[in-house]
Amino acid sequence: MTILSTLSRIVALVEIAVAALLTVATTGLILLNIVTRTSGNALYWVDEAAISTMVWASFLGASAAIERRSAVAVTLLPDAMPERWQYRLRIWSDFLVLVFFVILMWLCFLWFDPLTLYRLNFSLSDFTGETFNFIYQETTTTLGIPKFWLWSVMPTFAVFGALHALARLVERDLPRETTPEPEAEHAETLQ
């Protein structure tokens, strides 16, 4: 196991823990919404908070699923191939996932445009005037916090997903795996 793989696993454990807390928070917010609406004293910000916590939990969980290789997959083609080709297909798949996350990181970099913000001494009005990008000035409708805090889930997802994909790819490039996939282990115990 490489340092990169270890880092990826640690990050995935943190992602799962935070996603679990956010899921509990989402449930609590929905229950609070039910109680307050039933009593006739609805809290108007609860819906937006519940959606935000759910979105963050979903993205963090999806990133951790990449590290654990537990995302939903259609394995019809790989299962029909010889083992040698299955290994190559997994490497190609890991590479394409990494390419996706690198492109997503680049798009998030363009979207958040931190270099222009830095060049303008973090002046939000100058940034908006020069770029016509209102990302740092828009606030949420009911919570009143800057939207970029909620949207920062995208670059977070991109960076962590790239880390997990790169760790998977590097792990595959090391001496060829001899341990079977978890599904294969389970199939052997059933026979």
N, C-alpha and C. Protein backbone atom coordinates (compact mmCIF):
# COMPACT_ATOMS: atom_id res chain seq x y z
N MET A 1 0.84 -1.18 0.00
CA MET A 1 0.00 0.00 0.00
C MET A 1 0.89 1.25 0.00
N THR A 2 0.57 2.18 -0.86
CA THR A 2 1.36 3.39 -0.99
C THR A 2 0.87 4.48 -0.04
N ILE A 3 1.66 5.54 0.07
CA ILE A 3 1.26 6.69 0.88
C ILE A 3 -0.02 7.30 0.30
N LEU A 4 -0.10 7.33 -1.02
CA LEU A 4 -1.28 7.88 -1.68
C LEU A 4 -2.53 7.07 -1.35
N SER A 5 -2.40 5.75 -1.35
CA SER A 5 -3.53 4.89 -1.01
C SER A 5 -3.95 5.08 0.44
N THR A 6 -2.97 5.23 1.32
CA THR A 6 -3.27 5.44 2.73
C THR A 6 -3.99 6.77 2.92
N LEU A 7 -3.50 7.81 2.26
CA LEU A 7 -4.15 9.12 2.34
C LEU A 7 -5.57 9.04 1.79
N SER A 8 -5.75 8.34 0.70
CA SER A 8 -7.07 8.18 0.10
C SER A 8 -8.03 7.49 1.07
N ARG A 9 -7.55 6.46 1.74
CA ARG A 9 -8.41 5.75 2.70
C ARG A 9 -8.77 6.60 3.90
N ILE A 10 -7.82 7.39 4.39
CA ILE A 10 -8.08 8.29 5.51
C ILE A 10 -9.12 9.34 5.10
N VAL A 11 -8.93 9.93 3.93
CA VAL A 11 -9.88 10.93 3.43
C VAL A 11 -11.27 10.31 3.28
N ALA A 12 -11.34 9.09 2.77
CA ALA A 12 -12.63 8.42 2.60
C ALA A 12 -13.30 8.18 3.95
N LEU A 13 -12.52 7.82 4.97
CA LEU A 13 -13.11 7.63 6.30
C LEU A 13 -13.68 8.94 6.84
N VAL A 14 -12.97 10.03 6.62
CA VAL A 14 -13.46 11.35 7.05
C VAL A 14 -14.72 11.71 6.26
N GLU A 15 -14.69 11.45 4.95
CA GLU A 15 -15.86 11.74 4.12
C GLU A 15 -17.09 10.98 4.60
N ILE A 16 -16.90 9.71 4.92
CA ILE A 16 -18.02 8.89 5.38
C ILE A 16 -18.54 9.41 6.72
N ALA A 17 -17.65 9.78 7.62
CA ALA A 17 -18.07 10.29 8.92
C ALA A 17 -18.85 11.60 8.77
N VAL A 18 -18.32 12.50 7.96
CA VAL A 18 -19.00 13.80 7.75
C VAL A 18 -20.33 13.57 7.02
N ALA A 19 -20.35 12.70 6.03
CA ALA A 19 -21.60 12.41 5.31
C ALA A 19 -22.64 11.81 6.25
N ALA A 20 -22.20 10.96 7.18
CA ALA A 20 -23.13 10.37 8.15
C ALA A 20 -23.71 11.46 9.05
N LEU A 21 -22.86 12.37 9.52
CA LEU A 21 -23.35 13.47 10.36
C LEU A 21 -24.32 14.36 9.59
N LEU A 22 -24.00 14.64 8.33
CA LEU A 22 -24.87 15.46 7.51
C LEU A 22 -26.20 14.77 7.23
N THR A 23 -26.17 13.46 7.09
CA THR A 23 -27.40 12.70 6.88
C THR A 23 -28.28 12.77 8.12
N VAL A 24 -27.68 12.64 9.28
CA VAL A 24 -28.43 12.79 10.54
C VAL A 24 -29.00 14.21 10.64
N ALA A 25 -28.19 15.21 10.26
CA ALA A 25 -28.66 16.60 10.29
C ALA A 25 -29.83 16.79 9.32
N THR A 26 -29.75 16.19 8.15
CA THR A 26 -30.84 16.28 7.17
C THR A 26 -32.12 15.70 7.76
N THR A 27 -32.00 14.54 8.36
CA THR A 27 -33.17 13.90 8.97
C THR A 27 -33.74 14.78 10.08
N GLY A 28 -32.87 15.32 10.92
CA GLY A 28 -33.32 16.20 11.99
C GLY A 28 -34.01 17.45 11.47
N LEU A 29 -33.45 18.03 10.40
CA LEU A 29 -34.06 19.22 9.82
C LEU A 29 -35.43 18.92 9.22
N ILE A 30 -35.56 17.78 8.58
CA ILE A 30 -36.86 17.40 8.01
C ILE A 30 -37.88 17.17 9.11
N LEU A 31 -37.46 16.50 10.19
CA LEU A 31 -38.38 16.30 11.32
C LEU A 31 -38.76 17.63 11.96
N LEU A 32 -37.80 18.54 12.10
CA LEU A 32 -38.09 19.87 12.61
C LEU A 32 -39.09 20.59 11.72
N ASN A 33 -38.92 20.45 10.43
CA ASN A 33 -39.83 21.06 9.47
C ASN A 33 -41.25 20.51 9.65
N ILE A 34 -41.37 19.21 9.83
CA ILE A 34 -42.69 18.59 10.01
C ILE A 34 -43.35 19.13 11.28
N VAL A 35 -42.59 19.16 12.36
CA VAL A 35 -43.14 19.62 13.64
C VAL A 35 -43.56 21.09 13.57
N THR A 36 -42.70 21.94 13.01
CA THR A 36 -43.02 23.36 12.97
C THR A 36 -44.17 23.66 12.01
N ARG A 37 -44.26 22.96 10.92
CA ARG A 37 -45.38 23.18 10.00
C ARG A 37 -46.69 22.68 10.60
N THR A 38 -46.61 21.55 11.29
CA THR A 38 -47.82 21.02 11.92
C THR A 38 -48.34 21.96 13.00
N SER A 39 -47.43 22.57 13.72
CA SER A 39 -47.84 23.48 14.80
C SER A 39 -48.22 24.86 14.27
N GLY A 40 -48.07 25.09 12.97
CA GLY A 40 -48.44 26.37 12.38
C GLY A 40 -47.37 27.44 12.49
N ASN A 41 -46.15 27.06 12.89
CA ASN A 41 -45.04 28.00 13.04
C ASN A 41 -43.85 27.56 12.19
N ALA A 42 -44.07 27.46 10.89
CA ALA A 42 -43.03 26.94 9.99
C ALA A 42 -41.79 27.82 10.00
N LEU A 43 -40.64 27.19 10.03
CA LEU A 43 -39.35 27.88 9.91
C LEU A 43 -38.97 27.84 8.43
N TYR A 44 -38.95 28.98 7.81
CA TYR A 44 -38.78 29.04 6.35
C TYR A 44 -37.39 28.63 5.88
N TRP A 45 -36.37 28.66 6.72
CA TRP A 45 -35.01 28.35 6.31
C TRP A 45 -34.68 26.86 6.38
N VAL A 46 -35.56 26.07 7.00
CA VAL A 46 -35.26 24.65 7.24
C VAL A 46 -35.16 23.87 5.93
N ASP A 47 -36.05 24.17 4.98
CA ASP A 47 -36.02 23.45 3.69
C ASP A 47 -34.66 23.62 3.00
N GLU A 48 -34.21 24.85 2.93
CA GLU A 48 -32.93 25.12 2.27
C GLU A 48 -31.77 24.47 3.00
N ALA A 49 -31.80 24.50 4.32
CA ALA A 49 -30.74 23.86 5.10
C ALA A 49 -30.74 22.34 4.89
N ALA A 50 -31.91 21.74 4.85
CA ALA A 50 -32.01 20.28 4.64
C ALA A 50 -31.49 19.89 3.26
N ILE A 51 -31.84 20.67 2.25
CA ILE A 51 -31.36 20.39 0.90
C ILE A 51 -29.84 20.52 0.84
N SER A 52 -29.30 21.55 1.46
CA SER A 52 -27.85 21.77 1.45
C SER A 52 -27.10 20.64 2.14
N THR A 53 -27.59 20.21 3.29
CA THR A 53 -26.90 19.11 4.00
C THR A 53 -27.01 17.81 3.22
N MET A 54 -28.15 17.60 2.56
CA MET A 54 -28.31 16.38 1.77
C MET A 54 -27.36 16.37 0.56
N VAL A 55 -27.22 17.52 -0.10
CA VAL A 55 -26.33 17.61 -1.26
C VAL A 55 -24.89 17.35 -0.84
N TRP A 56 -24.44 17.99 0.24
CA TRP A 56 -23.08 17.76 0.71
C TRP A 56 -22.87 16.30 1.09
N ALA A 57 -23.83 15.70 1.78
CA ALA A 57 -23.70 14.28 2.17
C ALA A 57 -23.61 13.39 0.94
N SER A 58 -24.41 13.69 -0.07
CA SER A 58 -24.41 12.87 -1.30
C SER A 58 -23.07 12.93 -2.02
N PHE A 59 -22.52 14.13 -2.17
CA PHE A 59 -21.26 14.27 -2.88
C PHE A 59 -20.10 13.63 -2.09
N LEU A 60 -20.09 13.81 -0.78
CA LEU A 60 -19.03 13.19 0.02
C LEU A 60 -19.14 11.67 -0.01
N GLY A 61 -20.37 11.16 0.06
CA GLY A 61 -20.57 9.71 -0.02
C GLY A 61 -20.18 9.15 -1.38
N ALA A 62 -20.47 9.88 -2.44
CA ALA A 62 -20.10 9.43 -3.78
C ALA A 62 -18.58 9.39 -3.95
N SER A 63 -17.90 10.37 -3.37
CA SER A 63 -16.44 10.38 -3.44
C SER A 63 -15.86 9.20 -2.68
N ALA A 64 -16.39 8.93 -1.50
CA ALA A 64 -15.91 7.78 -0.71
C ALA A 64 -16.19 6.47 -1.42
N ALA A 65 -17.29 6.41 -2.16
CA ALA A 65 -17.63 5.19 -2.90
C ALA A 65 -16.59 4.89 -3.98
N ILE A 66 -15.96 5.92 -4.51
CA ILE A 66 -14.91 5.71 -5.51
C ILE A 66 -13.72 5.02 -4.86
N GLU A 67 -13.35 5.49 -3.67
CA GLU A 67 -12.22 4.88 -2.97
C GLU A 67 -12.53 3.42 -2.63
N ARG A 68 -13.74 3.16 -2.21
CA ARG A 68 -14.13 1.81 -1.80
C ARG A 68 -14.55 0.93 -2.96
N ARG A 69 -14.61 1.53 -4.13
CA ARG A 69 -15.08 0.82 -5.33
C ARG A 69 -16.45 0.17 -5.05
N SER A 70 -17.32 0.96 -4.44
CA SER A 70 -18.64 0.44 -4.10
C SER A 70 -19.76 1.18 -4.81
N ALA A 71 -19.41 1.99 -5.80
CA ALA A 71 -20.44 2.69 -6.56
C ALA A 71 -21.18 1.69 -7.44
N VAL A 72 -22.38 2.05 -7.83
CA VAL A 72 -23.17 1.19 -8.69
C VAL A 72 -22.44 1.01 -10.02
N ALA A 73 -22.37 -0.22 -10.48
CA ALA A 73 -21.67 -0.49 -11.74
C ALA A 73 -22.38 -1.60 -12.50
N VAL A 74 -22.32 -1.51 -13.80
CA VAL A 74 -22.83 -2.57 -14.67
C VAL A 74 -21.62 -3.40 -15.06
N THR A 75 -21.59 -4.64 -14.65
CA THR A 75 -20.40 -5.48 -14.87
C THR A 75 -20.64 -6.57 -15.91
N LEU A 76 -21.61 -6.38 -16.75
CA LEU A 76 -21.93 -7.38 -17.76
C LEU A 76 -20.74 -7.64 -18.70
N LEU A 77 -20.14 -6.58 -19.20
CA LEU A 77 -19.01 -6.72 -20.12
C LEU A 77 -17.77 -7.28 -19.41
N PRO A 78 -17.35 -6.70 -18.27
CA PRO A 78 -16.15 -7.25 -17.62
C PRO A 78 -16.31 -8.72 -17.20
N ASP A 79 -17.50 -9.09 -16.76
CA ASP A 79 -17.71 -10.48 -16.34
C ASP A 79 -17.59 -11.46 -17.49
N ALA A 80 -17.84 -11.01 -18.71
CA ALA A 80 -17.77 -11.89 -19.88
C ALA A 80 -16.35 -11.97 -20.45
N MET A 81 -15.43 -11.19 -19.93
CA MET A 81 -14.07 -11.14 -20.46
C MET A 81 -13.14 -12.06 -19.68
N PRO A 82 -12.04 -12.45 -20.32
CA PRO A 82 -11.02 -13.20 -19.58
C PRO A 82 -10.41 -12.31 -18.49
N GLU A 83 -9.84 -12.93 -17.46
CA GLU A 83 -9.31 -12.19 -16.31
C GLU A 83 -8.27 -11.16 -16.73
N ARG A 84 -7.43 -11.48 -17.69
CA ARG A 84 -6.40 -10.55 -18.16
C ARG A 84 -7.03 -9.27 -18.70
N TRP A 85 -8.11 -9.40 -19.45
CA TRP A 85 -8.79 -8.24 -20.02
C TRP A 85 -9.60 -7.49 -18.96
N GLN A 86 -10.11 -8.21 -17.97
CA GLN A 86 -10.81 -7.54 -16.86
C GLN A 86 -9.87 -6.59 -16.14
N TYR A 87 -8.65 -7.04 -15.91
CA TYR A 87 -7.65 -6.21 -15.25
C TYR A 87 -7.37 -4.95 -16.07
N ARG A 88 -7.19 -5.11 -17.37
CA ARG A 88 -6.94 -3.96 -18.25
C ARG A 88 -8.14 -3.01 -18.28
N LEU A 89 -9.32 -3.57 -18.30
CA LEU A 89 -10.53 -2.75 -18.31
C LEU A 89 -10.66 -1.95 -17.01
N ARG A 90 -10.29 -2.53 -15.88
CA ARG A 90 -10.32 -1.81 -14.61
C ARG A 90 -9.32 -0.64 -14.62
N ILE A 91 -8.15 -0.87 -15.18
CA ILE A 91 -7.15 0.22 -15.28
C ILE A 91 -7.70 1.33 -16.16
N TRP A 92 -8.28 0.97 -17.30
CA TRP A 92 -8.84 1.96 -18.21
C TRP A 92 -9.98 2.73 -17.52
N SER A 93 -10.81 2.02 -16.80
CA SER A 93 -11.92 2.65 -16.06
C SER A 93 -11.40 3.62 -15.02
N ASP A 94 -10.39 3.21 -14.25
CA ASP A 94 -9.79 4.10 -13.24
C ASP A 94 -9.18 5.33 -13.90
N PHE A 95 -8.57 5.15 -15.05
CA PHE A 95 -7.98 6.28 -15.78
C PHE A 95 -9.06 7.26 -16.23
N LEU A 96 -10.16 6.75 -16.77
CA LEU A 96 -11.25 7.63 -17.22
C LEU A 96 -11.89 8.38 -16.06
N VAL A 97 -12.02 7.72 -14.92
CA VAL A 97 -12.55 8.40 -13.73
C VAL A 97 -11.61 9.52 -13.31
N LEU A 98 -10.31 9.27 -13.35
CA LEU A 98 -9.34 10.30 -13.01
C LEU A 98 -9.43 11.47 -13.99
N VAL A 99 -9.55 11.18 -15.28
CA VAL A 99 -9.69 12.24 -16.28
C VAL A 99 -10.94 13.08 -16.00
N PHE A 100 -12.03 12.42 -15.67
CA PHE A 100 -13.26 13.14 -15.34
C PHE A 100 -13.03 14.12 -14.19
N PHE A 101 -12.38 13.66 -13.13
CA PHE A 101 -12.17 14.52 -11.97
C PHE A 101 -11.17 15.64 -12.25
N VAL A 102 -10.19 15.39 -13.07
CA VAL A 102 -9.25 16.47 -13.44
C VAL A 102 -10.00 17.54 -14.23
N ILE A 103 -10.85 17.14 -15.16
CA ILE A 103 -11.65 18.11 -15.92
C ILE A 103 -12.58 18.87 -14.97
N LEU A 104 -13.21 18.16 -14.03
CA LEU A 104 -14.09 18.82 -13.07
C LEU A 104 -13.32 19.81 -12.20
N MET A 105 -12.10 19.46 -11.80
CA MET A 105 -11.29 20.40 -11.02
C MET A 105 -11.00 21.65 -11.84
N TRP A 106 -10.67 21.48 -13.11
CA TRP A 106 -10.37 22.62 -13.97
C TRP A 106 -11.61 23.51 -14.13
N LEU A 107 -12.77 22.91 -14.34
CA LEU A 107 -14.00 23.69 -14.48
C LEU A 107 -14.33 24.44 -13.19
N CYS A 108 -14.12 23.81 -12.05
CA CYS A 108 -14.35 24.48 -10.76
C CYS A 108 -13.36 25.62 -10.58
N PHE A 109 -12.12 25.43 -11.01
CA PHE A 109 -11.12 26.49 -10.93
C PHE A 109 -11.56 27.69 -11.77
N LEU A 110 -12.05 27.42 -12.97
CA LEU A 110 -12.55 28.51 -13.82
C LEU A 110 -13.76 29.19 -13.20
N TRP A 111 -14.63 28.41 -12.58
CA TRP A 111 -15.86 28.92 -11.99
C TRP A 111 -15.55 29.81 -10.78
N PHE A 112 -14.73 29.33 -9.87
CA PHE A 112 -14.42 30.08 -8.66
C PHE A 112 -13.37 31.17 -8.91
N ASP A 113 -12.55 30.99 -9.91
CA ASP A 113 -11.57 31.98 -10.36
C ASP A 113 -10.77 32.61 -9.21
N PRO A 114 -10.08 31.79 -8.42
CA PRO A 114 -9.37 32.33 -7.25
C PRO A 114 -8.20 33.25 -7.60
N LEU A 115 -7.57 33.05 -8.76
CA LEU A 115 -6.44 33.90 -9.12
C LEU A 115 -6.87 35.34 -9.40
N THR A 116 -8.00 35.50 -10.08
CA THR A 116 -8.50 36.85 -10.31
C THR A 116 -8.94 37.49 -9.00
N LEU A 117 -9.57 36.72 -8.15
CA LEU A 117 -9.97 37.25 -6.84
C LEU A 117 -8.75 37.70 -6.03
N TYR A 118 -7.70 36.91 -6.07
CA TYR A 118 -6.46 37.27 -5.38
C TYR A 118 -5.83 38.53 -6.00
N ARG A 119 -5.80 38.55 -7.35
CA ARG A 119 -5.20 39.69 -8.06
C ARG A 119 -5.92 41.00 -7.75
N LEU A 120 -7.22 40.91 -7.46
CA LEU A 120 -8.02 42.10 -7.15
C LEU A 120 -8.11 42.33 -5.63
N ASN A 121 -7.15 41.76 -4.89
CA ASN A 121 -7.08 41.93 -3.43
C ASN A 121 -8.37 41.54 -2.72
N PHE A 122 -9.01 40.49 -3.20
CA PHE A 122 -10.23 39.94 -2.61
C PHE A 122 -11.37 40.96 -2.55
N SER A 123 -11.35 41.93 -3.44
CA SER A 123 -12.44 42.90 -3.55
C SER A 123 -13.56 42.26 -4.37
N LEU A 124 -14.65 41.94 -3.71
CA LEU A 124 -15.75 41.25 -4.38
C LEU A 124 -16.40 42.12 -5.45
N SER A 125 -16.52 43.41 -5.18
CA SER A 125 -17.14 44.28 -6.18
C SER A 125 -16.25 44.41 -7.43
N ASP A 126 -14.94 44.53 -7.23
CA ASP A 126 -14.03 44.58 -8.38
C ASP A 126 -14.05 43.26 -9.15
N PHE A 127 -14.07 42.15 -8.42
CA PHE A 127 -14.12 40.82 -9.04
C PHE A 127 -15.37 40.69 -9.90
N THR A 128 -16.51 41.06 -9.33
CA THR A 128 -17.78 40.95 -10.07
C THR A 128 -17.77 41.88 -11.27
N GLY A 129 -17.24 43.09 -11.10
CA GLY A 129 -17.20 44.04 -12.20
C GLY A 129 -16.32 43.59 -13.35
N GLU A 130 -15.21 42.94 -13.03
CA GLU A 130 -14.28 42.52 -14.07
C GLU A 130 -14.71 41.22 -14.74
N THR A 131 -15.25 40.28 -13.97
CA THR A 131 -15.53 38.95 -14.51
C THR A 131 -17.01 38.69 -14.80
N PHE A 132 -17.90 39.53 -14.27
CA PHE A 132 -19.35 39.30 -14.33
C PHE A 132 -19.71 37.96 -13.70
N ASN A 133 -18.90 37.53 -12.75
CA ASN A 133 -19.12 36.30 -12.01
C ASN A 133 -19.56 36.71 -10.61
N PHE A 134 -20.79 36.38 -10.25
CA PHE A 134 -21.37 36.80 -8.98
C PHE A 134 -21.28 35.70 -7.92
N ILE A 135 -20.42 34.73 -8.13
CA ILE A 135 -20.37 33.57 -7.25
C ILE A 135 -20.13 33.94 -5.79
N TYR A 136 -19.32 34.95 -5.54
CA TYR A 136 -18.97 35.30 -4.16
C TYR A 136 -19.95 36.29 -3.54
N GLN A 137 -20.84 36.88 -4.32
CA GLN A 137 -21.76 37.88 -3.79
C GLN A 137 -23.18 37.37 -3.64
N GLU A 138 -23.55 36.31 -4.35
CA GLU A 138 -24.90 35.77 -4.23
C GLU A 138 -25.06 35.11 -2.88
N THR A 139 -26.21 35.36 -2.26
CA THR A 139 -26.51 34.70 -0.98
C THR A 139 -27.71 33.78 -1.16
N THR A 140 -27.81 32.82 -0.29
CA THR A 140 -28.93 31.90 -0.35
C THR A 140 -30.21 32.64 -0.01
N THR A 141 -31.32 32.13 -0.47
CA THR A 141 -32.60 32.81 -0.33
C THR A 141 -33.03 32.95 1.13
N THR A 142 -32.94 31.88 1.88
CA THR A 142 -33.46 31.92 3.25
C THR A 142 -32.38 31.91 4.33
N LEU A 143 -31.28 31.24 4.07
CA LEU A 143 -30.22 31.18 5.08
C LEU A 143 -29.39 32.46 5.11
N GLY A 144 -29.29 33.12 3.98
CA GLY A 144 -28.57 34.38 3.91
C GLY A 144 -27.06 34.25 3.93
N ILE A 145 -26.54 33.06 3.66
CA ILE A 145 -25.08 32.87 3.62
C ILE A 145 -24.63 32.90 2.16
N PRO A 146 -23.39 33.27 1.91
CA PRO A 146 -22.90 33.27 0.53
C PRO A 146 -23.02 31.87 -0.10
N LYS A 147 -23.54 31.84 -1.33
CA LYS A 147 -23.77 30.56 -2.00
C LYS A 147 -22.47 29.80 -2.28
N PHE A 148 -21.38 30.52 -2.40
CA PHE A 148 -20.14 29.81 -2.74
C PHE A 148 -19.77 28.80 -1.66
N TRP A 149 -20.20 29.03 -0.42
CA TRP A 149 -19.93 28.04 0.64
C TRP A 149 -20.66 26.74 0.35
N LEU A 150 -21.87 26.84 -0.15
CA LEU A 150 -22.62 25.63 -0.49
C LEU A 150 -22.09 25.00 -1.78
N TRP A 151 -21.74 25.86 -2.74
CA TRP A 151 -21.23 25.37 -4.02
C TRP A 151 -19.82 24.80 -3.91
N SER A 152 -19.13 25.08 -2.83
CA SER A 152 -17.77 24.57 -2.67
C SER A 152 -17.73 23.05 -2.55
N VAL A 153 -18.90 22.42 -2.50
CA VAL A 153 -18.94 20.96 -2.52
C VAL A 153 -18.39 20.44 -3.85
N MET A 154 -18.56 21.20 -4.92
CA MET A 154 -18.08 20.73 -6.23
C MET A 154 -16.55 20.63 -6.30
N PRO A 155 -15.80 21.69 -5.95
CA PRO A 155 -14.34 21.51 -5.97
C PRO A 155 -13.87 20.51 -4.92
N THR A 156 -14.55 20.42 -3.80
CA THR A 156 -14.20 19.43 -2.79
C THR A 156 -14.35 18.03 -3.37
N PHE A 157 -15.49 17.79 -4.00
CA PHE A 157 -15.75 16.51 -4.65
C PHE A 157 -14.72 16.21 -5.73
N ALA A 158 -14.36 17.23 -6.50
CA ALA A 158 -13.39 17.05 -7.59
C ALA A 158 -12.02 16.67 -7.05
N VAL A 159 -11.56 17.35 -6.03
CA VAL A 159 -10.22 17.09 -5.47
C VAL A 159 -10.18 15.71 -4.80
N PHE A 160 -11.16 15.43 -3.97
CA PHE A 160 -11.16 14.14 -3.28
C PHE A 160 -11.39 12.98 -4.25
N GLY A 161 -12.27 13.18 -5.23
CA GLY A 161 -12.49 12.14 -6.23
C GLY A 161 -11.24 11.86 -7.04
N ALA A 162 -10.52 12.92 -7.40
CA ALA A 162 -9.26 12.75 -8.14
C ALA A 162 -8.23 12.01 -7.29
N LEU A 163 -8.19 12.35 -6.00
CA LEU A 163 -7.27 11.64 -5.09
C LEU A 163 -7.58 10.15 -5.06
N HIS A 164 -8.86 9.81 -4.91
CA HIS A 164 -9.25 8.40 -4.86
C HIS A 164 -8.97 7.69 -6.18
N ALA A 165 -9.29 8.34 -7.29
CA ALA A 165 -9.06 7.72 -8.61
C ALA A 165 -7.57 7.53 -8.86
N LEU A 166 -6.77 8.52 -8.50
CA LEU A 166 -5.32 8.41 -8.69
C LEU A 166 -4.75 7.30 -7.80
N ALA A 167 -5.21 7.21 -6.58
CA ALA A 167 -4.75 6.14 -5.68
C ALA A 167 -5.11 4.77 -6.25
N ARG A 168 -6.31 4.65 -6.79
CA ARG A 168 -6.72 3.38 -7.41
C ARG A 168 -5.84 3.05 -8.61
N LEU A 169 -5.53 4.04 -9.41
CA LEU A 169 -4.72 3.83 -10.61
C LEU A 169 -3.29 3.45 -10.23
N VAL A 170 -2.71 4.15 -9.27
CA VAL A 170 -1.34 3.85 -8.82
C VAL A 170 -1.29 2.46 -8.19
N GLU A 171 -2.31 2.13 -7.42
CA GLU A 171 -2.38 0.82 -6.79
C GLU A 171 -2.39 -0.28 -7.85
N ARG A 172 -3.07 -0.04 -8.95
CA ARG A 172 -3.14 -1.02 -10.04
C ARG A 172 -1.82 -1.14 -10.78
N ASP A 173 -1.05 -0.04 -10.83
CA ASP A 173 0.23 -0.07 -11.55
C ASP A 173 1.32 -0.78 -10.77
N LEU A 174 1.11 -0.94 -9.47
CA LEU A 174 2.07 -1.68 -8.67
C LEU A 174 1.98 -3.15 -9.05
N PRO A 175 2.76 -4.02 -8.46
CA PRO A 175 2.67 -5.43 -8.85
C PRO A 175 1.22 -5.89 -8.92
N ARG A 176 0.94 -6.63 -9.95
CA ARG A 176 -0.44 -7.03 -10.26
C ARG A 176 -1.12 -7.64 -9.05
N GLU A 177 -2.37 -7.24 -8.87
CA GLU A 177 -3.14 -7.71 -7.73
C GLU A 177 -3.28 -9.23 -7.77
N THR A 178 -3.16 -9.82 -6.62
CA THR A 178 -3.41 -11.25 -6.53
C THR A 178 -4.63 -11.51 -5.67
N THR A 179 -5.09 -10.49 -4.95
CA THR A 179 -6.28 -10.68 -4.12
C THR A 179 -7.51 -10.49 -4.98
N PRO A 180 -8.48 -11.36 -4.85
CA PRO A 180 -9.69 -11.23 -5.65
C PRO A 180 -10.55 -10.07 -5.16
N GLU A 181 -11.41 -9.59 -6.03
CA GLU A 181 -12.36 -8.55 -5.65
C GLU A 181 -13.30 -9.14 -4.58
N PRO A 182 -13.91 -8.29 -3.75
CA PRO A 182 -14.81 -8.79 -2.70
C PRO A 182 -15.94 -9.66 -3.24
N GLU A 183 -16.46 -9.33 -4.43
CA GLU A 183 -17.53 -10.13 -5.01
C GLU A 183 -17.04 -11.54 -5.32
N ALA A 184 -15.78 -11.64 -5.79
CA ALA A 184 -15.22 -12.94 -6.13
C ALA A 184 -15.02 -13.78 -4.86
N GLU A 185 -14.59 -13.15 -3.78
CA GLU A 185 -14.43 -13.86 -2.51
C GLU A 185 -15.76 -14.43 -2.06
N HIS A 186 -16.81 -13.63 -2.17
CA HIS A 186 -18.13 -14.05 -1.74
C HIS A 186 -18.62 -15.20 -2.61
N ALA A 187 -18.35 -15.15 -3.90
CA ALA A 187 -18.79 -16.21 -4.81
C ALA A 187 -18.09 -17.52 -4.49
N GLU A 188 -16.81 -17.45 -4.08
CA GLU A 188 -16.08 -18.67 -3.74
C GLU A 188 -16.65 -19.31 -2.48
N THR A 189 -17.08 -18.55 -1.52
CA THR A 189 -17.63 -19.13 -0.29
C THR A 189 -18.98 -19.76 -0.53
N LEU A 190 -19.70 -19.29 -1.55
CA LEU A 190 -21.01 -19.87 -1.84
C LEU A 190 -20.89 -21.23 -2.54
N GLN A 191 -19.74 -21.46 -3.19
CA GLN A 191 -19.59 -22.72 -3.95
C GLN A 191 -19.20 -23.86 -3.08
